[in-house]
N, C-alpha and C. Protein backbone atom coordinates (compact mmCIF):
# COMPACT_ATOMS: atom_id res chain seq x y z
N UNK A 1 0.81 -1.18 0.00
CA UNK A 1 0.00 0.00 0.00
C UNK A 1 0.86 1.26 0.00
N UNK A 2 1.97 1.24 0.75
CA UNK A 2 2.84 2.41 0.80
C UNK A 2 3.48 2.67 -0.56
N UNK A 3 3.82 1.62 -1.32
CA UNK A 3 4.44 1.78 -2.63
C UNK A 3 3.49 2.53 -3.57
N UNK A 4 2.22 2.18 -3.55
CA UNK A 4 1.23 2.85 -4.38
C UNK A 4 1.06 4.30 -3.99
N UNK A 5 1.15 4.59 -2.71
CA UNK A 5 1.02 5.95 -2.23
C UNK A 5 2.19 6.81 -2.71
N UNK A 6 3.39 6.24 -2.70
CA UNK A 6 4.58 6.97 -3.17
C UNK A 6 4.48 7.25 -4.66
N UNK A 7 4.00 6.28 -5.43
CA UNK A 7 3.83 6.46 -6.87
C UNK A 7 2.77 7.53 -7.14
N UNK A 8 1.69 7.51 -6.38
CA UNK A 8 0.64 8.51 -6.54
C UNK A 8 1.14 9.90 -6.21
N UNK A 9 1.93 10.03 -5.17
CA UNK A 9 2.50 11.32 -4.79
C UNK A 9 3.45 11.82 -5.86
N UNK A 10 4.29 10.92 -6.38
CA UNK A 10 5.21 11.29 -7.45
C UNK A 10 4.45 11.75 -8.69
N UNK A 11 3.39 11.01 -9.05
CA UNK A 11 2.59 11.37 -10.22
C UNK A 11 1.93 12.74 -10.02
N UNK A 12 1.45 13.01 -8.83
CA UNK A 12 0.83 14.30 -8.54
C UNK A 12 1.84 15.44 -8.64
N UNK A 13 3.03 15.25 -8.09
CA UNK A 13 4.08 16.27 -8.17
C UNK A 13 4.48 16.49 -9.63
N UNK A 14 4.61 15.42 -10.40
CA UNK A 14 4.97 15.53 -11.81
C UNK A 14 3.89 16.30 -12.57
N UNK A 15 2.64 16.00 -12.32
CA UNK A 15 1.54 16.69 -12.99
C UNK A 15 1.52 18.18 -12.65
N UNK A 16 1.70 18.52 -11.39
CA UNK A 16 1.73 19.93 -10.99
C UNK A 16 2.92 20.65 -11.64
N UNK A 17 4.07 20.00 -11.68
CA UNK A 17 5.26 20.61 -12.31
C UNK A 17 5.02 20.87 -13.78
N UNK A 18 4.39 19.92 -14.47
CA UNK A 18 4.12 20.10 -15.90
C UNK A 18 3.13 21.24 -16.12
N UNK A 19 2.12 21.33 -15.28
CA UNK A 19 1.14 22.42 -15.41
C UNK A 19 1.80 23.79 -15.20
N UNK A 20 2.68 23.88 -14.22
CA UNK A 20 3.39 25.14 -13.97
C UNK A 20 4.31 25.49 -15.13
N UNK A 21 4.97 24.51 -15.70
CA UNK A 21 5.86 24.76 -16.84
C UNK A 21 5.07 25.26 -18.04
N UNK A 22 3.93 24.67 -18.32
CA UNK A 22 3.09 25.11 -19.43
C UNK A 22 2.57 26.52 -19.18
N UNK A 23 2.14 26.79 -17.97
CA UNK A 23 1.63 28.11 -17.64
C UNK A 23 2.72 29.17 -17.76
N UNK A 24 3.93 28.88 -17.31
CA UNK A 24 5.04 29.82 -17.40
C UNK A 24 5.40 30.09 -18.85
N UNK A 25 5.49 29.06 -19.68
CA UNK A 25 5.85 29.27 -21.08
C UNK A 25 4.75 30.03 -21.81
N UNK A 26 3.50 29.82 -21.43
CA UNK A 26 2.39 30.56 -22.04
C UNK A 26 2.48 32.04 -21.68
N UNK A 27 2.83 32.36 -20.46
CA UNK A 27 2.95 33.75 -20.03
C UNK A 27 4.08 34.45 -20.76
N UNK A 28 5.19 33.76 -20.98
CA UNK A 28 6.32 34.34 -21.69
C UNK A 28 5.99 34.56 -23.16
N UNK A 29 5.14 33.74 -23.73
CA UNK A 29 4.80 33.85 -25.14
C UNK A 29 3.89 35.03 -25.43
N UNK A 30 3.32 35.66 -24.41
CA UNK A 30 2.39 36.75 -24.63
C UNK A 30 3.06 38.09 -24.89
N UNK A 31 4.33 38.26 -24.56
CA UNK A 31 5.03 39.50 -24.87
C UNK A 31 6.23 39.20 -25.75
N UNK A 32 6.58 40.18 -26.56
CA UNK A 32 7.72 40.03 -27.46
C UNK A 32 8.39 41.39 -27.61
N UNK A 33 9.68 41.37 -27.83
CA UNK A 33 10.45 42.60 -28.01
C UNK A 33 10.89 42.71 -29.47
N UNK A 34 10.80 43.92 -30.02
CA UNK A 34 11.28 44.19 -31.38
C UNK A 34 12.22 45.39 -31.33
N UNK A 35 13.31 45.29 -32.06
CA UNK A 35 14.25 46.41 -32.25
C UNK A 35 14.20 46.70 -33.74
N UNK A 36 13.68 47.86 -34.12
CA UNK A 36 13.37 48.11 -35.52
C UNK A 36 13.47 49.58 -35.87
N UNK A 37 13.69 49.87 -37.17
CA UNK A 37 13.50 51.26 -37.60
C UNK A 37 12.00 51.58 -37.63
N UNK A 38 11.67 52.83 -37.39
CA UNK A 38 10.28 53.28 -37.49
C UNK A 38 10.03 53.58 -38.96
N UNK A 39 9.19 52.78 -39.60
CA UNK A 39 8.94 52.91 -41.03
C UNK A 39 7.83 53.93 -41.30
N UNK A 40 6.78 53.87 -40.52
CA UNK A 40 5.64 54.77 -40.72
C UNK A 40 4.89 54.89 -39.39
N UNK A 41 4.30 56.06 -39.17
CA UNK A 41 3.47 56.28 -37.98
C UNK A 41 2.11 56.78 -38.45
N UNK A 42 1.04 56.10 -38.03
CA UNK A 42 -0.32 56.51 -38.36
C UNK A 42 -1.00 56.94 -37.06
N UNK A 43 -0.99 58.24 -36.83
CA UNK A 43 -1.53 58.77 -35.57
C UNK A 43 -3.04 58.59 -35.49
N UNK A 44 -3.75 58.75 -36.61
CA UNK A 44 -5.21 58.64 -36.60
C UNK A 44 -5.67 57.24 -36.20
N UNK A 45 -5.01 56.22 -36.73
CA UNK A 45 -5.41 54.84 -36.43
C UNK A 45 -4.62 54.24 -35.27
N UNK A 46 -3.59 54.94 -34.81
CA UNK A 46 -2.83 54.47 -33.66
C UNK A 46 -1.92 53.29 -33.96
N UNK A 47 -1.16 53.37 -35.06
CA UNK A 47 -0.26 52.30 -35.45
C UNK A 47 1.15 52.82 -35.69
N UNK A 48 2.12 51.97 -35.41
CA UNK A 48 3.51 52.20 -35.80
C UNK A 48 3.87 51.03 -36.71
N UNK A 49 4.41 51.33 -37.88
CA UNK A 49 4.84 50.27 -38.80
C UNK A 49 6.33 50.04 -38.59
N UNK A 50 6.68 48.78 -38.33
CA UNK A 50 8.07 48.38 -38.07
C UNK A 50 8.40 47.17 -38.94
N UNK A 51 9.64 46.70 -38.83
CA UNK A 51 10.03 45.48 -39.55
C UNK A 51 10.81 44.57 -38.62
N UNK A 52 10.73 43.27 -38.94
CA UNK A 52 11.47 42.27 -38.18
C UNK A 52 11.72 41.08 -39.09
N UNK A 53 12.97 40.71 -39.24
CA UNK A 53 13.36 39.56 -40.06
C UNK A 53 12.76 39.62 -41.45
N UNK A 54 12.77 40.79 -42.06
CA UNK A 54 12.29 40.96 -43.43
C UNK A 54 10.79 41.18 -43.55
N UNK A 55 10.04 41.02 -42.48
CA UNK A 55 8.59 41.25 -42.51
C UNK A 55 8.29 42.67 -42.03
N UNK A 56 7.35 43.32 -42.72
CA UNK A 56 6.91 44.67 -42.34
C UNK A 56 5.48 44.55 -41.81
N UNK A 57 5.23 45.11 -40.64
CA UNK A 57 3.90 44.99 -40.04
C UNK A 57 3.64 46.15 -39.09
N UNK A 58 2.38 46.32 -38.74
CA UNK A 58 1.99 47.37 -37.82
C UNK A 58 1.79 46.85 -36.41
N UNK A 59 2.09 47.69 -35.46
CA UNK A 59 1.79 47.40 -34.06
C UNK A 59 0.87 48.51 -33.57
N UNK A 60 -0.14 48.13 -32.82
CA UNK A 60 -1.12 49.09 -32.32
C UNK A 60 -0.62 49.70 -31.02
N UNK A 61 -0.93 50.97 -30.82
CA UNK A 61 -0.53 51.62 -29.57
C UNK A 61 -1.76 51.82 -28.69
N UNK A 62 -1.59 51.82 -27.37
CA UNK A 62 -2.73 52.06 -26.48
C UNK A 62 -3.14 53.53 -26.54
N UNK A 63 -4.35 53.85 -26.08
CA UNK A 63 -4.83 55.24 -26.12
C UNK A 63 -3.88 56.23 -25.44
N UNK A 64 -3.19 55.80 -24.39
CA UNK A 64 -2.26 56.69 -23.68
C UNK A 64 -1.08 57.12 -24.56
N UNK A 65 -0.74 56.31 -25.55
CA UNK A 65 0.42 56.61 -26.40
C UNK A 65 0.06 57.43 -27.63
N UNK A 66 -1.20 57.43 -28.04
CA UNK A 66 -1.58 58.11 -29.29
C UNK A 66 -1.16 59.57 -29.36
N UNK A 67 -1.31 60.37 -28.29
CA UNK A 67 -0.88 61.77 -28.39
C UNK A 67 0.62 61.94 -28.63
N UNK A 68 1.40 60.90 -28.40
CA UNK A 68 2.85 60.99 -28.54
C UNK A 68 3.38 60.43 -29.85
N UNK A 69 2.52 59.91 -30.70
CA UNK A 69 2.99 59.28 -31.93
C UNK A 69 3.67 60.27 -32.87
N UNK A 70 3.20 61.53 -32.90
CA UNK A 70 3.83 62.50 -33.79
C UNK A 70 5.22 62.90 -33.32
N UNK A 71 5.62 62.47 -32.14
CA UNK A 71 6.96 62.77 -31.62
C UNK A 71 7.99 61.72 -32.02
N UNK A 72 7.53 60.61 -32.64
CA UNK A 72 8.46 59.54 -33.02
C UNK A 72 9.18 59.90 -34.31
N UNK A 73 10.50 59.74 -34.36
CA UNK A 73 11.27 60.10 -35.55
C UNK A 73 11.22 59.00 -36.61
N UNK A 74 10.72 59.33 -37.81
CA UNK A 74 10.74 58.35 -38.89
C UNK A 74 12.18 57.93 -39.17
N UNK A 75 12.37 56.67 -39.41
CA UNK A 75 13.68 56.04 -39.64
C UNK A 75 14.52 55.93 -38.37
N UNK A 76 14.03 56.46 -37.26
CA UNK A 76 14.74 56.27 -36.00
C UNK A 76 14.59 54.83 -35.54
N UNK A 77 15.51 54.39 -34.72
CA UNK A 77 15.43 53.03 -34.18
C UNK A 77 14.65 53.03 -32.89
N UNK A 78 13.77 52.03 -32.76
CA UNK A 78 12.91 51.93 -31.58
C UNK A 78 12.98 50.51 -31.03
N UNK A 79 13.02 50.42 -29.73
CA UNK A 79 12.97 49.13 -29.03
C UNK A 79 11.58 49.04 -28.41
N UNK A 80 10.76 48.12 -28.92
CA UNK A 80 9.37 47.98 -28.49
C UNK A 80 9.17 46.69 -27.71
N UNK A 81 8.34 46.74 -26.70
CA UNK A 81 7.83 45.53 -26.05
C UNK A 81 6.34 45.53 -26.33
N UNK A 82 5.86 44.43 -26.93
CA UNK A 82 4.46 44.34 -27.32
C UNK A 82 3.80 43.13 -26.68
N UNK A 83 2.50 43.22 -26.57
CA UNK A 83 1.69 42.08 -26.13
C UNK A 83 1.18 41.39 -27.39
N UNK A 84 1.42 40.10 -27.51
CA UNK A 84 0.96 39.34 -28.66
C UNK A 84 -0.51 38.98 -28.44
N UNK A 85 -1.34 39.34 -29.43
CA UNK A 85 -2.78 39.07 -29.34
C UNK A 85 -3.21 38.28 -30.57
N UNK A 86 -3.58 37.03 -30.41
CA UNK A 86 -3.98 36.21 -31.56
C UNK A 86 -5.12 36.86 -32.34
N UNK A 87 -4.94 36.93 -33.66
CA UNK A 87 -5.97 37.50 -34.52
C UNK A 87 -6.00 39.01 -34.56
N UNK A 88 -5.10 39.67 -33.83
CA UNK A 88 -5.03 41.13 -33.81
C UNK A 88 -3.57 41.56 -33.91
N UNK A 89 -3.39 42.84 -34.22
CA UNK A 89 -2.03 43.38 -34.25
C UNK A 89 -1.45 43.38 -32.84
N UNK A 90 -0.13 43.21 -32.73
CA UNK A 90 0.49 43.31 -31.40
C UNK A 90 0.20 44.68 -30.79
N UNK A 91 0.07 44.73 -29.47
CA UNK A 91 -0.22 45.97 -28.76
C UNK A 91 1.02 46.43 -28.00
N UNK A 92 1.44 47.67 -28.22
CA UNK A 92 2.63 48.22 -27.58
C UNK A 92 2.39 48.35 -26.07
N UNK A 93 3.33 47.81 -25.31
CA UNK A 93 3.30 47.96 -23.85
C UNK A 93 4.25 49.08 -23.42
N UNK A 94 5.42 49.16 -24.10
CA UNK A 94 6.37 50.24 -23.82
C UNK A 94 7.35 50.36 -24.98
N UNK A 95 8.00 51.52 -25.06
CA UNK A 95 9.02 51.71 -26.09
C UNK A 95 10.16 52.56 -25.56
N UNK A 96 11.30 52.41 -26.22
CA UNK A 96 12.45 53.27 -26.01
C UNK A 96 13.00 53.62 -27.38
N UNK A 97 13.06 54.91 -27.70
CA UNK A 97 13.64 55.35 -28.97
C UNK A 97 15.15 55.35 -28.79
N UNK A 98 15.83 54.57 -29.62
CA UNK A 98 17.28 54.39 -29.48
C UNK A 98 18.08 55.37 -30.33
N UNK A 99 17.50 55.86 -31.44
CA UNK A 99 18.19 56.86 -32.25
C UNK A 99 17.16 57.77 -32.88
N UNK A 100 17.57 59.02 -33.12
CA UNK A 100 16.67 60.01 -33.67
C UNK A 100 16.24 60.99 -32.58
N UNK A 101 15.90 62.19 -33.01
CA UNK A 101 15.50 63.24 -32.07
C UNK A 101 14.03 63.08 -31.70
N UNK A 102 13.74 63.12 -30.41
CA UNK A 102 12.37 63.00 -29.93
C UNK A 102 12.24 63.56 -28.52
N UNK A 103 11.07 64.09 -28.22
CA UNK A 103 10.80 64.52 -26.84
C UNK A 103 10.10 63.41 -26.06
N UNK A 104 9.93 62.26 -26.72
CA UNK A 104 9.29 61.11 -26.07
C UNK A 104 10.19 59.88 -26.27
N UNK A 105 11.34 59.90 -25.65
CA UNK A 105 12.30 58.81 -25.82
C UNK A 105 11.80 57.52 -25.17
N UNK A 106 11.18 57.64 -24.00
CA UNK A 106 10.72 56.45 -23.27
C UNK A 106 9.23 56.58 -23.01
N UNK A 107 8.46 55.57 -23.45
CA UNK A 107 7.05 55.46 -23.11
C UNK A 107 6.91 54.22 -22.25
N UNK A 108 6.42 54.38 -21.02
CA UNK A 108 6.38 53.27 -20.07
C UNK A 108 5.02 52.59 -19.97
N UNK A 109 4.14 52.90 -20.90
CA UNK A 109 2.80 52.33 -20.87
C UNK A 109 1.77 53.32 -20.37
N UNK A 110 2.25 54.40 -19.76
CA UNK A 110 1.35 55.42 -19.23
C UNK A 110 1.72 56.82 -19.69
N UNK A 111 3.04 57.10 -19.69
CA UNK A 111 3.48 58.45 -20.04
C UNK A 111 4.84 58.43 -20.72
N UNK A 112 5.17 59.57 -21.32
CA UNK A 112 6.46 59.72 -22.01
C UNK A 112 7.46 60.46 -21.15
N UNK A 113 8.73 60.11 -21.39
CA UNK A 113 9.84 60.85 -20.77
C UNK A 113 10.85 61.14 -21.87
N UNK A 114 11.48 62.31 -21.80
CA UNK A 114 12.49 62.67 -22.82
C UNK A 114 13.76 61.84 -22.72
């Protein structure tokens, strides 16, 4: 009887470990970082067009960032952290402008800093 109990405990620990591993990898898959030139900024629709590995695509900005889109330098380099949303454009969580003149070098998800 004790042998079965030990096997059951081991199986339970293994199952919990696997569930935690899947949950952790799922959480990591929801955000992604891009380092890209700023190709185009659409202030009206709230998009920044960037490129990664030869692909050109738009990332959506949250309402808090829209007033600052006209401050982004075209062709400047930007480091973006986005939330991956299946079936939708990635959503910007924060950015840091790495090159180019701007009064909004860092956007932290709420406000800009020079």
